[in-house]
Amino acid sequence: MLLQVLDITYFSWLDRRGPVSGSVEDMSTARGGPVGWMMRATSRAVASAAWVEARGLRALPGGCGHFTCARSQTSS
């Protein structure tokens, strides 16, 4: 839910701002100094918070959980 809210906010801002040349990750990698460090730290914090949120909500209906694909054995 956190990432969906951030996505809506970010893409609404982009819609008003206009086209950009790259992703947030591209911008944070390209920037040096304190601004780049802060962008990378924020990106890591958001990813970590989204992981914690997903783990916490996985048991709720519609949470989807974790899927693992396995090849079935066929007998000939």
C-alpha atoms as a PDB file:
ATOM      1  CA  MET A   1       0.000   0.000   0.000  1.00  0.00           C
ATOM      2  CA  LEU A   2       2.887   2.343   0.794  1.00  0.00           C
ATOM      3  CA  LEU A   3       4.427   1.907  -2.643  1.00  0.00           C
ATOM      4  CA  GLN A   4       1.085   2.420  -4.365  1.00  0.00           C
ATOM      5  CA  VAL A   5       0.610   5.741  -2.572  1.00  0.00           C
ATOM      6  CA  LEU A   6       4.159   6.794  -3.438  1.00  0.00           C
ATOM      7  CA  ASP A   7       3.657   5.728  -7.065  1.00  0.00           C
ATOM      8  CA  ILE A   8       0.455   7.737  -7.368  1.00  0.00           C
ATOM      9  CA  THR A   9       2.136  10.776  -5.812  1.00  0.00           C
ATOM     10  CA  TYR A  10       5.269  10.487  -7.942  1.00  0.00           C
ATOM     11  CA  PHE A  11       3.482   9.915 -11.241  1.00  0.00           C
ATOM     12  CA  SER A  12       0.974  12.686 -10.507  1.00  0.00           C
ATOM     13  CA  TRP A  13       3.925  15.002  -9.925  1.00  0.00           C
ATOM     14  CA  LEU A  14       5.508  13.808 -13.190  1.00  0.00           C
ATOM     15  CA  ASP A  15       2.236  14.405 -15.011  1.00  0.00           C
ATOM     16  CA  ARG A  16       2.311  18.047 -13.905  1.00  0.00           C
ATOM     17  CA  ARG A  17       6.083  18.474 -14.397  1.00  0.00           C
ATOM     18  CA  GLY A  18       6.418  16.855 -17.777  1.00  0.00           C
ATOM     19  CA  PRO A  19       8.697  14.155 -19.169  1.00  0.00           C
ATOM     20  CA  VAL A  20      11.916  13.173 -17.399  1.00  0.00           C
ATOM     21  CA  SER A  21      15.069  11.654 -18.822  1.00  0.00           C
ATOM     22  CA  GLY A  22      15.354   8.668 -16.454  1.00  0.00           C
ATOM     23  CA  SER A  23      14.110   6.852 -13.412  1.00  0.00           C
ATOM     24  CA  VAL A  24      14.580   7.860  -9.780  1.00  0.00           C
ATOM     25  CA  GLU A  25      17.306   5.226  -9.487  1.00  0.00           C
ATOM     26  CA  ASP A  26      19.100   6.704 -12.522  1.00  0.00           C
ATOM     27  CA  MET A  27      18.929  10.189 -11.037  1.00  0.00           C
ATOM     28  CA  SER A  28      20.193   9.043  -7.631  1.00  0.00           C
ATOM     29  CA  THR A  29      23.115   7.172  -9.209  1.00  0.00           C
ATOM     30  CA  ALA A  30      24.092  10.112 -11.399  1.00  0.00           C
ATOM     31  CA  ARG A  31      24.134  12.630  -8.565  1.00  0.00           C
ATOM     32  CA  GLY A  32      27.062  12.888  -6.226  1.00  0.00           C
ATOM     33  CA  GLY A  33      27.523  14.613  -2.909  1.00  0.00           C
ATOM     34  CA  PRO A  34      24.932  14.945  -0.174  1.00  0.00           C
ATOM     35  CA  VAL A  35      21.969  15.169  -2.561  1.00  0.00           C
ATOM     36  CA  GLY A  36      22.847  11.889  -4.263  1.00  0.00           C
ATOM     37  CA  TRP A  37      23.527  10.230  -0.928  1.00  0.00           C
ATOM     38  CA  MET A  38      20.157  11.409   0.408  1.00  0.00           C
ATOM     39  CA  MET A  39      18.329  10.169  -2.721  1.00  0.00           C
ATOM     40  CA  ARG A  40      19.964   6.734  -2.445  1.00  0.00           C
ATOM     41  CA  ALA A  41      19.245   6.524   1.293  1.00  0.00           C
ATOM     42  CA  THR A  42      15.606   7.473   0.718  1.00  0.00           C
ATOM     43  CA  SER A  43      15.286   4.893  -2.049  1.00  0.00           C
ATOM     44  CA  ARG A  44      16.691   2.170   0.224  1.00  0.00           C
ATOM     45  CA  ALA A  45      14.426   3.245   3.098  1.00  0.00           C
ATOM     46  CA  VAL A  46      11.315   3.119   0.887  1.00  0.00           C
ATOM     47  CA  ALA A  47      12.262  -0.319  -0.459  1.00  0.00           C
ATOM     48  CA  SER A  48      12.863  -1.601   3.068  1.00  0.00           C
ATOM     49  CA  ALA A  49       9.579  -0.173   4.348  1.00  0.00           C
ATOM     50  CA  ALA A  50       7.703  -1.735   1.416  1.00  0.00           C
ATOM     51  CA  TRP A  51       9.299  -5.121   2.166  1.00  0.00           C
ATOM     52  CA  VAL A  52       8.270  -4.894   5.833  1.00  0.00           C
ATOM     53  CA  GLU A  53       4.762  -3.853   4.799  1.00  0.00           C
ATOM     54  CA  ALA A  54       4.466  -6.764   2.356  1.00  0.00           C
ATOM     55  CA  ARG A  55       5.614  -9.236   5.009  1.00  0.00           C
ATOM     56  CA  GLY A  56       3.113  -7.818   7.491  1.00  0.00           C
ATOM     57  CA  LEU A  57       0.171  -7.886   5.078  1.00  0.00           C
ATOM     58  CA  ARG A  58       0.885 -11.259   3.453  1.00  0.00           C
ATOM     59  CA  ALA A  59      -1.654 -13.132   5.596  1.00  0.00           C
ATOM     60  CA  LEU A  60      -4.561 -10.851   4.687  1.00  0.00           C
ATOM     61  CA  PRO A  61      -7.011 -11.896   1.973  1.00  0.00           C
ATOM     62  CA  GLY A  62      -5.796 -10.527  -1.324  1.00  0.00           C
ATOM     63  CA  GLY A  63      -2.258 -10.285   0.001  1.00  0.00           C
ATOM     64  CA  CYS A  64      -1.200 -12.831  -2.626  1.00  0.00           C
ATOM     65  CA  GLY A  65       1.659 -14.208  -0.549  1.00  0.00           C
ATOM     66  CA  HIS A  66       4.688 -15.801  -2.123  1.00  0.00           C
ATOM     67  CA  PHE A  67       4.472 -17.957  -5.211  1.00  0.00           C
ATOM     68  CA  THR A  68       6.993 -20.562  -6.199  1.00  0.00           C
ATOM     69  CA  CYS A  69       6.952 -22.249  -9.569  1.00  0.00           C
ATOM     70  CA  ALA A  70       8.061 -25.839  -9.782  1.00  0.00           C
ATOM     71  CA  ARG A  71       8.249 -28.078 -12.812  1.00  0.00           C
ATOM     72  CA  SER A  72       5.986 -31.082 -12.464  1.00  0.00           C
ATOM     73  CA  GLN A  73       7.383 -34.513 -13.140  1.00  0.00           C
ATOM     74  CA  THR A  74       5.651 -36.358 -15.938  1.00  0.00           C
ATOM     75  CA  SER A  75       5.712 -40.107 -16.057  1.00  0.00           C
ATOM     76  CA  SER A  76       6.303 -41.679 -19.440  1.00  0.00           C
END
